[in-house]
């Protein structure tokens, strides 16, 4: 709903969804970054009527694609900061993945590298409105039987793992690596326009990062 309202009001060229995710890839550990090439709603299942798993009726797609040019820019920002990352499919659904069985199901049927609960709906809205979309996820847990414990411990662990890469960014915690990528993005593409989902405010990347950094610094 927020994404649709933002598109109506501000007509952004691209929406970048950020947050945390569970890892479905052996290459992604806690604190690393998953960059989506697409988002898949892995809890969507109309297979009893003959559809493949994950098919979104109306769009007739399983993989909701991210904008290639935006992903390339985000990858360049990650490389410039030395952040460990992987590009791949992002699983999205109305569930917190907390079992080896569900993790294996998603891996075997969709080949996703990370799982979360939001990007699929935002990607869906963007596709319907012909708005470019991308997703960045910082790994908070391993999406297995221990994920509920890892998730709670992630913030301090992420700060320690990423602090040497994020010296230019006055932030720590669960989204530290994501903020670092956004800083790199702003350095590389300072005049590109970013729009927050909430509050729905549009501004150039260079000003967004400066204001965000000031808020983080003042609030500790």
C-alpha atoms as a PDB file:
ATOM      1  CA  UNK A   1       0.000   0.000   0.000  1.00  0.00           C
ATOM      2  CA  UNK A   2       2.822   2.421   0.904  1.00  0.00           C
ATOM      3  CA  UNK A   3       4.629   1.658  -2.346  1.00  0.00           C
ATOM      4  CA  UNK A   4       1.503   2.321  -4.401  1.00  0.00           C
ATOM      5  CA  UNK A   5       0.769   5.574  -2.570  1.00  0.00           C
ATOM      6  CA  UNK A   6       4.363   6.697  -3.079  1.00  0.00           C
ATOM      7  CA  UNK A   7       4.159   5.951  -6.804  1.00  0.00           C
ATOM      8  CA  UNK A   8       0.890   7.901  -7.107  1.00  0.00           C
ATOM      9  CA  UNK A   9       2.247  10.900  -5.206  1.00  0.00           C
ATOM     10  CA  UNK A  10       5.903  11.114  -6.224  1.00  0.00           C
ATOM     11  CA  UNK A  11       6.311   9.057  -9.423  1.00  0.00           C
ATOM     12  CA  UNK A  12       9.785   7.674  -8.528  1.00  0.00           C
ATOM     13  CA  UNK A  13      11.969   6.216 -11.261  1.00  0.00           C
ATOM     14  CA  UNK A  14      13.164   3.388  -8.999  1.00  0.00           C
ATOM     15  CA  UNK A  15      12.231   1.920  -5.603  1.00  0.00           C
ATOM     16  CA  UNK A  16      14.981   0.181  -3.604  1.00  0.00           C
ATOM     17  CA  UNK A  17      13.663  -2.059  -0.832  1.00  0.00           C
ATOM     18  CA  UNK A  18      16.042  -2.715   2.087  1.00  0.00           C
ATOM     19  CA  UNK A  19      15.960  -4.758   5.279  1.00  0.00           C
ATOM     20  CA  UNK A  20      17.185  -8.036   6.759  1.00  0.00           C
ATOM     21  CA  UNK A  21      16.809 -11.620   5.540  1.00  0.00           C
ATOM     22  CA  UNK A  22      17.627 -15.208   6.365  1.00  0.00           C
ATOM     23  CA  UNK A  23      20.396 -16.852   4.353  1.00  0.00           C
ATOM     24  CA  UNK A  24      19.577 -19.678   1.958  1.00  0.00           C
ATOM     25  CA  UNK A  25      23.091 -19.715   0.482  1.00  0.00           C
ATOM     26  CA  UNK A  26      26.301 -21.231   1.794  1.00  0.00           C
ATOM     27  CA  UNK A  27      28.055 -18.127   0.434  1.00  0.00           C
ATOM     28  CA  UNK A  28      26.094 -15.722   2.651  1.00  0.00           C
ATOM     29  CA  UNK A  29      26.828 -15.464   6.350  1.00  0.00           C
ATOM     30  CA  UNK A  30      25.390 -13.181   9.015  1.00  0.00           C
ATOM     31  CA  UNK A  31      26.249  -9.585   8.145  1.00  0.00           C
ATOM     32  CA  UNK A  32      26.715 -10.242   4.413  1.00  0.00           C
ATOM     33  CA  UNK A  33      24.536  -8.665   1.725  1.00  0.00           C
ATOM     34  CA  UNK A  34      22.074 -10.316  -0.667  1.00  0.00           C
ATOM     35  CA  UNK A  35      21.366  -8.288  -3.823  1.00  0.00           C
ATOM     36  CA  UNK A  36      18.271  -9.483  -5.620  1.00  0.00           C
ATOM     37  CA  UNK A  37      18.122 -10.233  -9.318  1.00  0.00           C
ATOM     38  CA  UNK A  38      14.431 -10.967  -8.758  1.00  0.00           C
ATOM     39  CA  UNK A  39      11.899 -11.592  -6.012  1.00  0.00           C
ATOM     40  CA  UNK A  40       9.805 -14.776  -5.807  1.00  0.00           C
ATOM     41  CA  UNK A  41       6.667 -15.167  -3.693  1.00  0.00           C
ATOM     42  CA  UNK A  42       7.554 -18.683  -2.569  1.00  0.00           C
ATOM     43  CA  UNK A  43       4.419 -19.130  -0.443  1.00  0.00           C
ATOM     44  CA  UNK A  44       2.177 -18.604  -3.476  1.00  0.00           C
ATOM     45  CA  UNK A  45       0.751 -21.976  -4.463  1.00  0.00           C
ATOM     46  CA  UNK A  46      -2.038 -22.597  -6.971  1.00  0.00           C
ATOM     47  CA  UNK A  47      -0.471 -25.874  -8.105  1.00  0.00           C
ATOM     48  CA  UNK A  48      -3.690 -27.860  -7.386  1.00  0.00           C
ATOM     49  CA  UNK A  49      -5.214 -26.182 -10.470  1.00  0.00           C
ATOM     50  CA  UNK A  50      -2.154 -26.882 -12.604  1.00  0.00           C
ATOM     51  CA  UNK A  51      -0.024 -23.758 -12.051  1.00  0.00           C
ATOM     52  CA  UNK A  52       3.674 -23.955 -11.221  1.00  0.00           C
ATOM     53  CA  UNK A  53       4.719 -23.085  -7.679  1.00  0.00           C
ATOM     54  CA  UNK A  54       5.135 -19.349  -7.129  1.00  0.00           C
ATOM     55  CA  UNK A  55       3.139 -18.229 -10.172  1.00  0.00           C
ATOM     56  CA  UNK A  56       1.513 -14.813  -9.680  1.00  0.00           C
ATOM     57  CA  UNK A  57      -1.810 -14.811 -11.498  1.00  0.00           C
ATOM     58  CA  UNK A  58      -2.402 -11.690 -13.562  1.00  0.00           C
ATOM     59  CA  UNK A  59       1.308 -11.053 -13.990  1.00  0.00           C
ATOM     60  CA  UNK A  60       1.825 -14.662 -15.091  1.00  0.00           C
ATOM     61  CA  UNK A  61       5.317 -14.550 -13.629  1.00  0.00           C
ATOM     62  CA  UNK A  62       7.177 -16.510 -10.986  1.00  0.00           C
ATOM     63  CA  UNK A  63      10.282 -14.332 -10.893  1.00  0.00           C
ATOM     64  CA  UNK A  64       9.532 -10.635 -10.375  1.00  0.00           C
ATOM     65  CA  UNK A  65      12.628  -9.048 -11.915  1.00  0.00           C
ATOM     66  CA  UNK A  66      14.816  -6.339 -10.415  1.00  0.00           C
ATOM     67  CA  UNK A  67      16.100  -3.552 -12.630  1.00  0.00           C
ATOM     68  CA  UNK A  68      19.425  -4.733 -14.064  1.00  0.00           C
ATOM     69  CA  UNK A  69      21.020  -1.278 -14.268  1.00  0.00           C
ATOM     70  CA  UNK A  70      20.132  -0.503 -10.633  1.00  0.00           C
ATOM     71  CA  UNK A  71      21.497  -3.858  -9.453  1.00  0.00           C
ATOM     72  CA  UNK A  72      24.740  -3.186 -11.328  1.00  0.00           C
ATOM     73  CA  UNK A  73      25.066   0.188  -9.608  1.00  0.00           C
ATOM     74  CA  UNK A  74      24.454  -1.368  -6.190  1.00  0.00           C
ATOM     75  CA  UNK A  75      26.990  -4.090  -6.930  1.00  0.00           C
ATOM     76  CA  UNK A  76      29.548  -1.468  -7.898  1.00  0.00           C
ATOM     77  CA  UNK A  77      28.875   0.337  -4.605  1.00  0.00           C
ATOM     78  CA  UNK A  78      29.316  -2.914  -2.644  1.00  0.00           C
ATOM     79  CA  UNK A  79      32.597  -3.652  -4.393  1.00  0.00           C
ATOM     80  CA  UNK A  80      33.905  -0.152  -3.746  1.00  0.00           C
ATOM     81  CA  UNK A  81      33.279  -0.679  -0.011  1.00  0.00           C
ATOM     82  CA  UNK A  82      34.647  -4.218   0.086  1.00  0.00           C
ATOM     83  CA  UNK A  83      31.359  -5.657   1.364  1.00  0.00           C
ATOM     84  CA  UNK A  84      30.774  -9.414   1.000  1.00  0.00           C
ATOM     85  CA  UNK A  85      27.711  -9.915  -1.194  1.00  0.00           C
ATOM     86  CA  UNK A  86      25.946 -12.288  -3.551  1.00  0.00           C
ATOM     87  CA  UNK A  87      23.450 -11.622  -6.333  1.00  0.00           C
ATOM     88  CA  UNK A  88      20.549 -14.018  -6.694  1.00  0.00           C
ATOM     89  CA  UNK A  89      16.861 -14.746  -6.284  1.00  0.00           C
ATOM     90  CA  UNK A  90      15.139 -13.477  -3.134  1.00  0.00           C
ATOM     91  CA  UNK A  91      12.376 -15.555  -1.532  1.00  0.00           C
ATOM     92  CA  UNK A  92       9.523 -13.551  -0.060  1.00  0.00           C
ATOM     93  CA  UNK A  93       6.454 -14.708   1.826  1.00  0.00           C
ATOM     94  CA  UNK A  94       4.235 -14.271   4.871  1.00  0.00           C
ATOM     95  CA  UNK A  95       6.412 -16.441   7.086  1.00  0.00           C
ATOM     96  CA  UNK A  96       9.575 -16.279   9.183  1.00  0.00           C
ATOM     97  CA  UNK A  97      11.592 -19.249   7.917  1.00  0.00           C
ATOM     98  CA  UNK A  98      12.630 -21.180  11.019  1.00  0.00           C
ATOM     99  CA  UNK A  99      13.139 -24.794   9.943  1.00  0.00           C
ATOM    100  CA  UNK A 100      15.614 -26.787   7.902  1.00  0.00           C
ATOM    101  CA  UNK A 101      12.701 -28.426   6.079  1.00  0.00           C
ATOM    102  CA  UNK A 102      11.211 -25.157   4.832  1.00  0.00           C
ATOM    103  CA  UNK A 103      14.659 -23.819   3.975  1.00  0.00           C
ATOM    104  CA  UNK A 104      15.405 -26.894   1.865  1.00  0.00           C
ATOM    105  CA  UNK A 105      11.993 -26.647   0.166  1.00  0.00           C
ATOM    106  CA  UNK A 106      12.701 -23.078  -0.970  1.00  0.00           C
ATOM    107  CA  UNK A 107      16.234 -23.942  -2.067  1.00  0.00           C
ATOM    108  CA  UNK A 108      15.161 -27.028  -4.021  1.00  0.00           C
ATOM    109  CA  UNK A 109      12.119 -25.501  -5.720  1.00  0.00           C
ATOM    110  CA  UNK A 110      13.245 -21.922  -6.357  1.00  0.00           C
ATOM    111  CA  UNK A 111      17.042 -21.659  -5.942  1.00  0.00           C
ATOM    112  CA  UNK A 112      16.820 -18.527  -3.796  1.00  0.00           C
ATOM    113  CA  UNK A 113      19.782 -17.124  -1.835  1.00  0.00           C
ATOM    114  CA  UNK A 114      17.838 -15.329   0.929  1.00  0.00           C
ATOM    115  CA  UNK A 115      14.336 -15.184   2.398  1.00  0.00           C
ATOM    116  CA  UNK A 116      12.282 -12.308   3.812  1.00  0.00           C
ATOM    117  CA  UNK A 117       8.714 -11.028   4.002  1.00  0.00           C
ATOM    118  CA  UNK A 118       8.294  -7.828   1.985  1.00  0.00           C
ATOM    119  CA  UNK A 119      10.045  -7.407  -1.347  1.00  0.00           C
ATOM    120  CA  UNK A 120       7.667  -9.556  -3.386  1.00  0.00           C
ATOM    121  CA  UNK A 121       4.666  -7.328  -2.741  1.00  0.00           C
ATOM    122  CA  UNK A 122       6.690  -4.191  -3.493  1.00  0.00           C
ATOM    123  CA  UNK A 123       8.097  -5.747  -6.672  1.00  0.00           C
ATOM    124  CA  UNK A 124       4.527  -6.677  -7.686  1.00  0.00           C
ATOM    125  CA  UNK A 125       3.367  -3.078  -7.285  1.00  0.00           C
ATOM    126  CA  UNK A 126       6.374  -1.751  -9.194  1.00  0.00           C
ATOM    127  CA  UNK A 127       5.763  -4.113 -12.117  1.00  0.00           C
ATOM    128  CA  UNK A 128       2.113  -3.092 -12.316  1.00  0.00           C
ATOM    129  CA  UNK A 129       3.150   0.572 -12.420  1.00  0.00           C
ATOM    130  CA  UNK A 130       6.200   0.186 -14.692  1.00  0.00           C
ATOM    131  CA  UNK A 131       8.539   1.453 -11.947  1.00  0.00           C
ATOM    132  CA  UNK A 132      12.076   0.090 -11.622  1.00  0.00           C
ATOM    133  CA  UNK A 133      12.724  -2.028  -8.540  1.00  0.00           C
ATOM    134  CA  UNK A 134      15.684  -3.411  -6.591  1.00  0.00           C
ATOM    135  CA  UNK A 135      16.166  -5.175  -3.247  1.00  0.00           C
ATOM    136  CA  UNK A 136      19.076  -5.177  -0.764  1.00  0.00           C
ATOM    137  CA  UNK A 137      19.038  -7.534   2.237  1.00  0.00           C
ATOM    138  CA  UNK A 138      21.498  -7.826   5.107  1.00  0.00           C
ATOM    139  CA  UNK A 139      21.701 -11.387   6.437  1.00  0.00           C
ATOM    140  CA  UNK A 140      20.335 -11.696   9.984  1.00  0.00           C
ATOM    141  CA  UNK A 141      20.168 -15.477  10.410  1.00  0.00           C
ATOM    142  CA  UNK A 142      20.596 -18.802   8.607  1.00  0.00           C
ATOM    143  CA  UNK A 143      16.856 -19.476   8.117  1.00  0.00           C
ATOM    144  CA  UNK A 144      17.158 -22.808   9.929  1.00  0.00           C
ATOM    145  CA  UNK A 145      16.135 -24.239  13.307  1.00  0.00           C
ATOM    146  CA  UNK A 146      18.324 -21.652  15.040  1.00  0.00           C
ATOM    147  CA  UNK A 147      17.145 -18.588  13.119  1.00  0.00           C
ATOM    148  CA  UNK A 148      14.995 -17.247  15.978  1.00  0.00           C
ATOM    149  CA  UNK A 149      18.128 -17.086  18.163  1.00  0.00           C
ATOM    150  CA  UNK A 150      20.449 -15.687  15.465  1.00  0.00           C
ATOM    151  CA  UNK A 151      17.983 -12.939  14.578  1.00  0.00           C
ATOM    152  CA  UNK A 152      18.012 -11.469  18.076  1.00  0.00           C
ATOM    153  CA  UNK A 153      21.803 -11.496  18.239  1.00  0.00           C
ATOM    154  CA  UNK A 154      22.355 -10.031  14.784  1.00  0.00           C
ATOM    155  CA  UNK A 155      22.654  -6.323  15.580  1.00  0.00           C
ATOM    156  CA  UNK A 156      25.845  -6.412  17.687  1.00  0.00           C
ATOM    157  CA  UNK A 157      27.387  -9.138  15.529  1.00  0.00           C
ATOM    158  CA  UNK A 158      26.763  -7.149  12.363  1.00  0.00           C
ATOM    159  CA  UNK A 159      28.337  -4.078  13.888  1.00  0.00           C
ATOM    160  CA  UNK A 160      31.533  -5.978  14.693  1.00  0.00           C
ATOM    161  CA  UNK A 161      31.682  -7.757  11.321  1.00  0.00           C
ATOM    162  CA  UNK A 162      31.127  -4.688   9.171  1.00  0.00           C
ATOM    163  CA  UNK A 163      32.691  -1.822  11.132  1.00  0.00           C
ATOM    164  CA  UNK A 164      36.002  -2.009   9.253  1.00  0.00           C
ATOM    165  CA  UNK A 165      34.115  -1.612   5.963  1.00  0.00           C
ATOM    166  CA  UNK A 166      31.843   1.167   7.148  1.00  0.00           C
ATOM    167  CA  UNK A 167      34.189   3.716   8.728  1.00  0.00           C
ATOM    168  CA  UNK A 168      32.620   6.445   6.644  1.00  0.00           C
ATOM    169  CA  UNK A 169      29.147   5.569   7.958  1.00  0.00           C
ATOM    170  CA  UNK A 170      28.162   6.604  11.520  1.00  0.00           C
ATOM    171  CA  UNK A 171      25.797   3.659  11.978  1.00  0.00           C
ATOM    172  CA  UNK A 172      25.918   0.237  13.576  1.00  0.00           C
ATOM    173  CA  UNK A 173      23.426  -2.581  13.923  1.00  0.00           C
ATOM    174  CA  UNK A 174      21.315  -4.840  11.756  1.00  0.00           C
ATOM    175  CA  UNK A 175      21.333  -2.633   8.685  1.00  0.00           C
ATOM    176  CA  UNK A 176      24.901  -1.325   8.946  1.00  0.00           C
ATOM    177  CA  UNK A 177      26.102  -2.977   5.758  1.00  0.00           C
ATOM    178  CA  UNK A 178      23.040  -1.738   3.887  1.00  0.00           C
ATOM    179  CA  UNK A 179      23.751   1.835   4.980  1.00  0.00           C
ATOM    180  CA  UNK A 180      27.299   1.383   3.730  1.00  0.00           C
ATOM    181  CA  UNK A 181      26.053   0.347   0.291  1.00  0.00           C
ATOM    182  CA  UNK A 182      23.702   3.336   0.200  1.00  0.00           C
ATOM    183  CA  UNK A 183      26.647   5.590   1.064  1.00  0.00           C
ATOM    184  CA  UNK A 184      28.647   4.081  -1.779  1.00  0.00           C
ATOM    185  CA  UNK A 185      25.667   4.452  -4.124  1.00  0.00           C
ATOM    186  CA  UNK A 186      25.361   8.137  -3.215  1.00  0.00           C
ATOM    187  CA  UNK A 187      29.069   8.679  -3.823  1.00  0.00           C
ATOM    188  CA  UNK A 188      28.859   7.067  -7.257  1.00  0.00           C
ATOM    189  CA  UNK A 189      25.461   8.482  -8.297  1.00  0.00           C
ATOM    190  CA  UNK A 190      24.917  11.631  -6.178  1.00  0.00           C
ATOM    191  CA  UNK A 191      22.181  13.180  -8.325  1.00  0.00           C
ATOM    192  CA  UNK A 192      19.931  10.127  -8.645  1.00  0.00           C
ATOM    193  CA  UNK A 193      16.590  10.619  -6.880  1.00  0.00           C
ATOM    194  CA  UNK A 194      15.595   8.296  -4.005  1.00  0.00           C
ATOM    195  CA  UNK A 195      12.163   8.161  -2.397  1.00  0.00           C
ATOM    196  CA  UNK A 196      11.422   6.830   1.069  1.00  0.00           C
ATOM    197  CA  UNK A 197       8.362   4.622   1.472  1.00  0.00           C
ATOM    198  CA  UNK A 198       7.627   6.164   4.866  1.00  0.00           C
ATOM    199  CA  UNK A 199       7.598   9.062   5.112  1.00  0.00           C
ATOM    200  CA  UNK A 200       7.162   9.454   1.318  1.00  0.00           C
ATOM    201  CA  UNK A 201       9.881  12.038   0.675  1.00  0.00           C
ATOM    202  CA  UNK A 202      11.975  12.322  -2.502  1.00  0.00           C
ATOM    203  CA  UNK A 203      15.483  13.787  -2.623  1.00  0.00           C
ATOM    204  CA  UNK A 204      18.823  13.347  -4.356  1.00  0.00           C
ATOM    205  CA  UNK A 205      20.959  10.510  -3.050  1.00  0.00           C
ATOM    206  CA  UNK A 206      23.728  12.841  -1.820  1.00  0.00           C
ATOM    207  CA  UNK A 207      21.312  14.785   0.400  1.00  0.00           C
ATOM    208  CA  UNK A 208      19.524  11.658   1.600  1.00  0.00           C
ATOM    209  CA  UNK A 209      22.752  10.100   2.871  1.00  0.00           C
ATOM    210  CA  UNK A 210      23.951  13.321   4.533  1.00  0.00           C
ATOM    211  CA  UNK A 211      20.649  13.844   6.336  1.00  0.00           C
ATOM    212  CA  UNK A 212      20.446  10.193   7.336  1.00  0.00           C
ATOM    213  CA  UNK A 213      24.016  10.254   8.651  1.00  0.00           C
ATOM    214  CA  UNK A 214      23.272  13.383  10.705  1.00  0.00           C
ATOM    215  CA  UNK A 215      20.174  11.775  12.239  1.00  0.00           C
ATOM    216  CA  UNK A 216      22.092   8.592  13.095  1.00  0.00           C
ATOM    217  CA  UNK A 217      24.921  10.604  14.615  1.00  0.00           C
ATOM    218  CA  UNK A 218      22.607  12.745  16.737  1.00  0.00           C
ATOM    219  CA  UNK A 219      20.474   9.825  17.915  1.00  0.00           C
ATOM    220  CA  UNK A 220      23.452   7.538  18.620  1.00  0.00           C
END
